[in-house]
Protein backbone atom coordinates (compact mmCIF):
# COMPACT_ATOMS: atom_id res chain seq x y z
CA MET A 1 371.41 103.29 159.32
CA ALA A 2 370.96 100.71 157.04
CA ALA A 3 370.04 98.20 160.45
CA LEU A 4 367.98 100.91 161.43
CA GLU A 5 366.24 100.96 158.25
CA VAL A 6 366.01 97.28 157.75
CA ARG A 7 364.34 96.92 161.62
CA ALA A 8 362.08 99.92 160.34
CA GLY A 9 360.73 98.19 157.41
CA SER A 10 360.24 94.93 159.27
CA ARG A 11 358.61 96.39 161.91
CA ALA A 12 356.26 98.06 159.56
CA ALA A 13 355.76 94.95 157.60
CA HIS A 14 354.88 93.24 160.52
CA ARG A 15 352.12 95.82 161.12
CA TRP A 16 350.87 95.67 157.99
CA LEU A 17 350.77 91.87 158.27
CA LEU A 18 348.79 91.82 161.47
CA VAL A 19 346.75 94.51 160.35
CA VAL A 20 345.87 91.82 156.82
CA VAL A 21 345.41 89.16 159.52
CA GLY A 22 342.87 91.12 161.67
CA VAL A 23 340.79 92.37 158.69
CA VAL A 24 340.58 88.47 157.51
CA LEU A 25 339.57 87.31 160.67
CA ALA A 26 336.84 90.07 161.37
CA ALA A 27 335.21 89.36 157.75
CA GLY A 28 335.32 85.44 158.65
CA LEU A 29 333.62 85.79 162.07
CA PHE A 30 331.55 88.51 160.41
CA ALA A 31 330.17 85.92 157.56
CA LEU A 32 330.57 82.75 159.97
CA PRO A 33 326.92 83.08 161.18
CA LEU A 34 325.50 83.91 157.61
CA VAL A 35 327.23 80.73 156.65
CA VAL A 36 325.85 78.58 159.31
CA ARG A 37 322.14 80.00 159.77
CA SER A 38 321.36 77.73 162.35
CA ALA A 39 320.02 78.82 165.55
CA ALA A 40 321.85 76.47 167.47
CA GLN A 41 325.03 76.15 166.05
CA ILE A 42 325.16 79.91 166.27
CA GLY A 43 324.57 79.28 169.98
CA THR A 44 327.27 76.93 170.24
CA LEU A 45 329.56 79.30 168.61
CA SER A 46 328.92 81.98 170.82
CA GLN A 47 329.34 79.77 173.75
CA LEU A 48 332.84 79.11 172.56
CA VAL A 49 333.55 82.85 172.34
CA ALA A 50 332.32 83.21 176.14
CA TYR A 51 333.74 80.45 177.43
CA SER A 52 337.37 81.50 175.97
CA VAL A 53 336.86 84.67 178.13
CA ALA A 54 336.54 83.04 181.37
CA ILE A 55 339.63 80.76 180.31
CA LEU A 56 341.84 83.94 179.46
CA GLY A 57 340.61 85.19 183.19
CA LEU A 58 341.97 81.50 184.44
CA ILE A 59 344.94 81.89 182.32
CA LEU A 60 345.73 85.18 183.66
CA LEU A 61 345.51 83.68 187.23
CA MET A 62 347.30 80.54 186.87
CA GLY A 63 349.70 81.27 183.91
CA TYR A 64 350.98 84.71 184.24
CA CYS A 65 350.63 84.78 188.37
CA GLY A 66 351.21 81.31 189.53
CA GLN A 67 347.72 80.89 191.80
CA ILE A 68 345.58 78.11 190.89
CA SER A 69 341.76 78.34 191.22
CA ILE A 70 339.21 75.52 190.58
CA GLY A 71 336.11 78.16 191.60
CA HIS A 72 335.99 80.17 188.24
CA GLY A 73 332.72 78.38 187.57
CA ALA A 74 331.13 79.95 190.29
CA PHE A 75 332.58 83.56 188.90
CA VAL A 76 330.76 82.70 185.94
CA GLY A 77 327.49 81.90 187.46
CA ILE A 78 327.65 85.13 189.62
CA GLY A 79 328.14 87.28 186.67
CA ALA A 80 325.31 85.24 184.55
CA TYR A 81 322.61 85.47 187.74
CA THR A 82 323.82 89.49 187.88
CA THR A 83 322.68 89.84 184.08
CA VAL A 84 319.31 87.76 184.31
CA ILE A 85 318.46 89.30 187.38
CA LEU A 86 318.81 92.99 185.98
CA VAL A 87 316.89 91.82 183.06
CA ALA A 88 314.09 90.15 184.27
CA ASP A 89 313.25 91.84 186.99
CA ALA A 90 314.77 95.36 187.09
CA GLY A 91 314.02 95.97 182.98
CA TRP A 92 317.80 96.66 182.25
CA PRO A 93 319.30 96.49 178.55
CA TYR A 94 321.20 93.72 178.42
CA LEU A 95 324.68 95.46 177.47
CA ALA A 96 323.89 97.87 180.32
CA THR A 97 324.51 94.80 182.67
CA VAL A 98 327.52 93.39 181.63
CA PRO A 99 329.93 96.30 183.49
CA VAL A 100 327.62 95.39 186.80
CA ALA A 101 328.51 91.74 186.40
CA VAL A 102 332.10 92.40 186.09
CA LEU A 103 331.92 94.64 188.98
CA VAL A 104 330.37 92.34 191.18
CA CYS A 105 332.82 89.66 190.42
CA MET A 106 336.15 91.56 190.75
CA VAL A 107 334.53 92.84 194.40
CA ALA A 108 333.68 88.75 194.86
CA GLY A 109 337.29 87.97 193.82
CA LEU A 110 338.60 90.48 195.99
CA VAL A 111 336.50 89.28 199.11
CA ILE A 112 337.82 85.79 198.39
CA GLY A 113 341.13 86.63 197.26
CA ILE A 114 342.43 88.87 200.59
CA PRO A 115 341.87 85.85 203.19
CA ALA A 116 343.29 83.99 200.56
CA LEU A 117 346.14 86.04 200.59
CA ARG A 118 348.96 84.15 202.94
CA ILE A 119 347.94 80.54 201.39
CA GLN A 120 349.02 79.03 197.95
CA GLY A 121 349.44 75.38 196.14
CA LEU A 122 347.16 73.04 197.43
CA TYR A 123 345.34 75.12 200.36
CA LEU A 124 344.22 77.71 197.63
CA VAL A 125 342.71 74.99 195.46
CA THR A 126 340.77 74.08 198.60
CA VAL A 127 339.66 77.30 199.33
CA THR A 128 338.66 77.83 195.51
CA LEU A 129 337.21 74.14 195.36
CA SER A 130 334.88 75.62 198.15
CA VAL A 131 333.85 78.37 196.76
CA ALA A 132 332.46 76.38 193.80
CA ALA A 133 330.87 73.98 196.07
CA LEU A 134 329.35 76.46 198.17
CA PHE A 135 327.81 78.70 194.97
CA PRO A 136 324.62 76.10 194.25
CA VAL A 137 323.89 76.02 198.02
CA LEU A 138 323.69 79.61 197.85
CA VAL A 139 321.48 79.71 194.75
CA THR A 140 319.04 77.55 196.44
CA GLN A 141 319.08 79.20 199.47
CA PHE A 142 318.56 82.81 198.09
CA GLU A 143 315.48 81.05 195.87
CA GLU A 144 313.33 84.52 195.63
CA LEU A 145 316.31 86.15 194.20
CA THR A 146 317.71 83.36 191.81
CA GLY A 147 314.86 81.26 191.39
CA GLY A 148 316.21 78.30 193.49
CA ALA A 149 316.38 74.96 191.76
CA ASN A 150 314.56 75.98 189.16
CA GLY A 151 316.62 78.84 187.78
CA LYS A 152 316.03 82.46 187.11
CA VAL A 153 314.80 82.97 183.19
CA ALA A 154 314.58 86.41 181.44
CA ARG A 155 311.70 85.92 178.97
CA ARG A 156 312.93 88.41 176.34
CA PRO A 157 316.10 88.10 174.24
CA MET A 158 318.19 91.26 173.27
CA ALA A 159 315.95 93.10 170.96
CA VAL A 160 317.15 93.25 167.36
CA PRO A 161 317.17 96.45 166.00
CA GLU A 162 315.46 97.97 163.04
CA TRP A 163 319.02 98.62 161.00
CA PHE A 164 320.05 95.27 161.41
CA PHE A 165 320.49 93.67 158.40
CA LEU A 166 318.47 90.12 159.47
CA GLU A 167 314.68 90.04 160.09
CA GLU A 168 313.62 90.33 163.36
CA ARG A 169 310.96 87.60 162.19
CA SER A 170 313.90 85.29 161.47
CA ARG A 171 314.71 82.59 163.86
CA ALA A 172 318.68 83.57 163.41
CA ALA A 173 318.45 86.96 163.72
CA ALA A 174 318.65 87.22 167.32
CA PRO A 175 321.35 84.45 167.95
CA THR A 176 323.22 86.03 165.02
CA LEU A 177 323.21 89.54 167.15
CA ALA A 178 323.91 88.05 170.25
CA PHE A 179 326.88 86.26 168.54
CA TYR A 180 328.25 89.63 166.95
CA VAL A 181 328.02 91.34 170.31
CA ILE A 182 329.69 88.44 172.17
CA VAL A 183 332.66 88.95 169.76
CA LEU A 184 333.40 92.58 169.99
CA ILE A 185 333.15 92.43 173.86
CA ALA A 186 335.34 89.42 173.81
CA ALA A 187 337.73 91.28 171.49
CA LEU A 188 337.72 93.94 173.87
CA ALA A 189 338.62 91.68 176.57
CA PHE A 190 341.47 89.95 175.00
CA TRP A 191 343.03 93.13 173.20
CA LEU A 192 343.08 94.50 177.29
CA ALA A 193 344.47 91.21 178.50
CA ARG A 194 347.27 91.47 175.89
CA ASN A 195 348.05 94.97 177.10
CA LEU A 196 347.68 93.81 180.39
CA VAL A 197 350.67 91.31 180.22
CA ARG A 198 353.20 93.48 178.02
CA SER A 199 353.05 95.90 181.07
CA ARG A 200 354.85 96.70 183.84
CA ILE A 201 352.03 94.97 185.81
CA GLY A 202 352.17 91.70 183.72
CA ARG A 203 356.35 91.48 183.88
CA ALA A 204 356.01 91.60 188.00
CA MET A 205 352.93 88.78 187.21
CA ILE A 206 355.75 86.64 185.49
CA ALA A 207 358.42 87.71 188.16
CA ILE A 208 355.70 86.53 191.17
CA ARG A 209 355.16 83.44 189.31
CA ASN A 210 358.84 82.49 188.41
CA ALA A 211 360.26 83.42 192.19
CA PRO A 212 358.18 85.20 194.45
CA ILE A 213 360.81 85.85 197.01
CA SER A 214 363.26 87.39 194.33
CA ALA A 215 360.29 89.65 193.39
CA ALA A 216 359.79 90.99 196.82
CA ALA A 217 363.52 91.32 197.12
CA ALA A 218 363.45 93.48 194.10
CA GLY A 219 360.57 95.56 195.54
CA VAL A 220 357.31 94.23 193.61
CA PRO A 221 354.52 94.00 196.12
CA VAL A 222 353.78 90.70 195.54
CA ALA A 223 350.70 90.62 197.97
CA ARG A 224 348.45 93.68 196.21
CA ILE A 225 349.58 92.14 192.76
CA LYS A 226 348.42 88.72 193.54
CA VAL A 227 344.72 90.13 195.00
CA TRP A 228 344.28 92.52 192.01
CA VAL A 229 345.10 89.71 189.67
CA PHE A 230 342.44 87.21 191.34
CA SER A 231 339.97 90.33 191.37
CA ILE A 232 340.85 90.94 187.36
CA SER A 233 340.86 86.99 186.82
CA ALA A 234 337.09 86.95 188.59
CA GLY A 235 336.14 90.29 186.61
CA TYR A 236 336.88 88.27 183.40
CA ALA A 237 334.95 85.13 184.50
CA GLY A 238 331.93 87.30 185.47
CA LEU A 239 332.02 88.74 182.08
CA ALA A 240 331.76 85.38 180.67
CA GLY A 241 328.94 84.37 182.86
CA ALA A 242 326.85 87.74 181.44
CA LEU A 243 328.09 87.01 177.86
CA LEU A 244 326.70 83.33 177.98
CA ALA A 245 323.42 85.05 179.57
CA ILE A 246 323.13 86.94 176.22
CA GLN A 247 323.36 84.18 174.40
CA LEU A 248 320.64 82.00 176.62
CA PRO A 249 318.95 84.48 179.11
CA THR A 250 318.80 81.40 181.70
CA ALA A 251 320.74 80.75 184.87
CA THR A 252 320.79 77.94 186.65
CA GLU A 253 322.88 76.27 189.04
CA SER A 254 323.36 72.97 187.38
CA ARG A 255 324.69 75.40 184.25
CA PHE A 256 327.23 76.30 186.55
CA GLY A 257 328.06 74.08 189.05
CA LEU A 258 331.45 72.50 190.53
CA ASP A 259 331.86 70.48 186.64
CA LEU A 260 332.31 73.85 185.02
CA SER A 261 335.32 74.76 186.99
CA ILE A 262 337.14 71.63 186.59
CA PHE A 263 336.40 72.14 182.76
CA LEU A 264 337.52 75.45 182.92
CA LEU A 265 340.91 74.51 184.54
CA VAL A 266 341.27 71.45 181.75
CA ALA A 267 340.79 73.83 179.23
CA ALA A 268 343.25 76.42 180.40
CA ILE A 269 346.06 73.36 180.83
CA VAL A 270 345.27 71.73 177.48
CA GLY A 271 345.06 75.20 175.58
CA GLY A 272 348.27 76.64 177.27
CA SER A 273 348.05 78.47 180.27
CA ARG A 274 350.91 81.01 179.52
CA SER A 275 349.83 81.96 176.45
CA ILE A 276 346.78 84.27 176.04
CA TRP A 277 345.80 82.73 172.63
CA GLY A 278 345.61 79.26 174.36
CA ALA A 279 342.15 80.54 175.82
CA LEU A 280 340.92 80.19 172.26
CA THR A 281 342.01 76.54 171.86
CA GLY A 282 340.91 75.80 175.29
CA ALA A 283 337.72 76.56 174.62
CA VAL A 284 337.10 74.81 171.37
CA VAL A 285 338.48 71.86 173.59
CA LEU A 286 336.03 73.00 176.25
CA VAL A 287 333.08 72.93 173.73
CA VAL A 288 334.06 69.57 172.09
CA ILE A 289 334.08 67.78 174.95
CA ARG A 290 330.87 69.27 176.86
CA THR A 291 328.73 69.73 173.94
CA TRP A 292 329.92 67.93 170.76
CA ILE A 293 331.01 64.43 172.42
CA ALA A 294 328.23 64.67 174.99
CA ASP A 295 325.83 64.82 171.75
CA TRP A 296 327.15 62.67 170.19
CA ALA A 297 327.59 59.82 173.13
CA GLN A 298 323.99 60.40 173.73
CA GLU A 299 322.76 59.68 170.14
CA ALA A 300 325.20 56.64 169.43
CA ASP A 301 323.23 55.60 173.02
CA LEU A 302 327.42 54.63 174.00
CA LEU A 303 327.64 53.34 177.60
CA ALA A 304 323.82 53.06 178.05
CA GLY A 305 322.90 50.62 180.61
CA ARG A 306 325.56 51.46 182.97
CA PRO A 307 325.45 53.54 185.89
CA ASP A 308 328.74 55.50 184.71
CA GLY A 309 326.60 55.61 181.23
CA GLY A 310 325.96 59.39 181.74
CA GLN A 311 329.85 59.99 182.80
CA ILE A 312 331.72 59.65 179.15
CA VAL A 313 332.31 63.43 179.05
CA GLY A 314 334.26 63.73 182.79
CA ILE A 315 335.82 60.28 181.42
CA LEU A 316 337.34 61.99 178.35
CA ALA A 317 338.03 65.18 179.99
CA ALA A 318 340.37 63.60 182.35
CA ALA A 319 341.50 61.20 179.71
CA LEU A 320 342.45 64.67 177.92
CA LEU A 321 344.04 65.90 180.79
CA LEU A 322 346.52 63.27 181.34
CA LEU A 323 347.42 63.08 178.09
CA ALA A 324 347.91 67.10 177.52
CA VAL A 325 350.25 66.68 180.78
CA PHE A 326 352.55 64.01 179.62
CA VAL A 327 352.70 64.76 175.96
CA LEU A 328 352.31 68.47 175.48
CA PRO A 329 352.72 69.98 179.37
CA THR A 330 352.60 73.65 178.33
CA GLY A 331 349.87 73.20 176.50
CA LEU A 332 348.69 73.08 172.94
CA ILE A 333 350.02 76.59 171.59
CA ALA A 334 353.38 76.48 173.23
CA GLY A 335 353.88 72.81 172.37
CA LEU A 336 353.06 73.67 168.63
CA ARG A 337 355.76 76.30 168.62
CA ALA A 338 357.97 74.06 169.94
CA ILE A 339 357.60 71.61 167.08
CA GLY A 340 357.75 74.64 164.09
CA ARG A 341 361.07 75.46 166.27
CA ARG A 342 362.70 71.86 166.06
CA ARG A 343 361.93 71.12 162.49
CA PRO A 344 364.58 72.29 160.22
CA THR A 345 364.45 74.21 157.08
CA ALA A 346 365.80 73.25 153.80
CA THR A 347 368.22 76.32 154.53
CA SER A 348 368.99 75.67 157.79
CA ALA A 349 370.00 72.14 156.90
CA SER A 350 372.25 73.15 153.39
CA ALA A 351 373.93 76.17 155.78
CA CYS A 352 374.71 72.82 158.57
CA ARG A 353 376.28 71.17 155.62
CA THR A 354 378.01 73.91 154.44
CA THR A 355 379.24 74.94 157.58
CA SER A 356 380.53 71.48 158.32
CA THR A 357 382.14 71.06 154.75
CA THR A 358 384.01 74.22 155.50
CA SER A 359 384.98 73.20 158.76
CA THR A 360 386.38 69.62 157.30
CA THR A 361 388.37 71.54 154.55
CA THR A 362 389.77 73.72 157.09
CA ALA A 363 390.79 71.23 159.65
CA ALA A 364 392.13 68.79 156.74
CA SER A 365 394.33 71.67 155.39
CA THR A 366 395.66 72.92 159.03
CA ALA A 367 396.50 68.78 159.65
CA SER A 368 398.22 68.85 156.01
CA ARG A 369 400.62 71.62 156.80
CA SER A 370 401.47 70.50 160.00
CA PRO A 371 404.56 68.03 159.35
CA SER A 372 406.13 70.82 156.94
CA THR A 373 405.74 73.30 160.28
CA SER A 374 407.40 70.92 162.18
CA ARG A 375 410.14 70.12 159.95
CA THR A 376 410.88 73.77 159.83
CA THR A 377 410.72 74.21 163.71
CA SER A 378 413.21 71.14 164.27
CA THR A 379 415.96 72.51 161.35
CA SER A 380 415.92 76.13 162.80
CA PRO A 381 418.88 77.06 165.15
CA THR A 382 417.86 77.37 168.72
């Protein structure tokens, strides 16, 4: 009974700790745009949150199901174009376009996932790479719908309601509202992903990743789960594209090109592909490389005058990927957890010293008693 009471108390304390952490995190996110007060920086924070959703979808596919994709930038672009087209041409409100963008990308994921069902490894990488390379071509071909090389722009941003605490005339009002909307939708996406990986489907995904033949022998529908996970992952990418369109209502082929797919893959690997929270650290890495380091290189006139002067972002991304593969092959999240487990605490060290001293004393006492025991044995009659 006492053990049960301790376990129940520890679970309750853990729940309360999660509630306190959630409240503090929510308060911090609410106050963040008010502290920054710069429309550009608020937009960068919104991009970070939106990219984390795309990386989360890639983590579900790659880290939990064992499939690799270099075409998720195309799904992000499909989601963004869907939102911008519905807002600009049909006059839809932004929030109403979000489920449509997710549904369109899930269908696209099914269309691509079913033919690619019987291939894996490098062949699947080739197929998804072809999707990423084909997406800009399709954008330019359907110029009347997508705007072609000039892109598609929704002239009106998300409307600021009257009850919003910032004035509509303020430059930070619309970016702040977009940030709050993006954070709420992203939090819902992370909650759904957490429940998915802890469900029976999530355990089946891990079984397929570790041993697909054994999972099939155990009755797991490997083909069906692979297709649906690919579709769900594409839906997450489309959701990220819709959120990016809410942040900046512009969709161009250069914004969602092949480089975005590669950067998403790098961010998933560096952040940690076997943890849904690796999507957040991966998004930080992605935004730092694509935005802050690029701006810094441009301001510092780094590599100017050379033909590769504009490739500093790609060079740093490749170097970071190599560093992550050799130093932290499981990603930042798992690597930090492993470092925390290896570091002995003072209590454990003292316990080890006490155990060592006790074992040494016991061995010494046993050794001191062994001669007398042997003499007694030798003098006893047979």
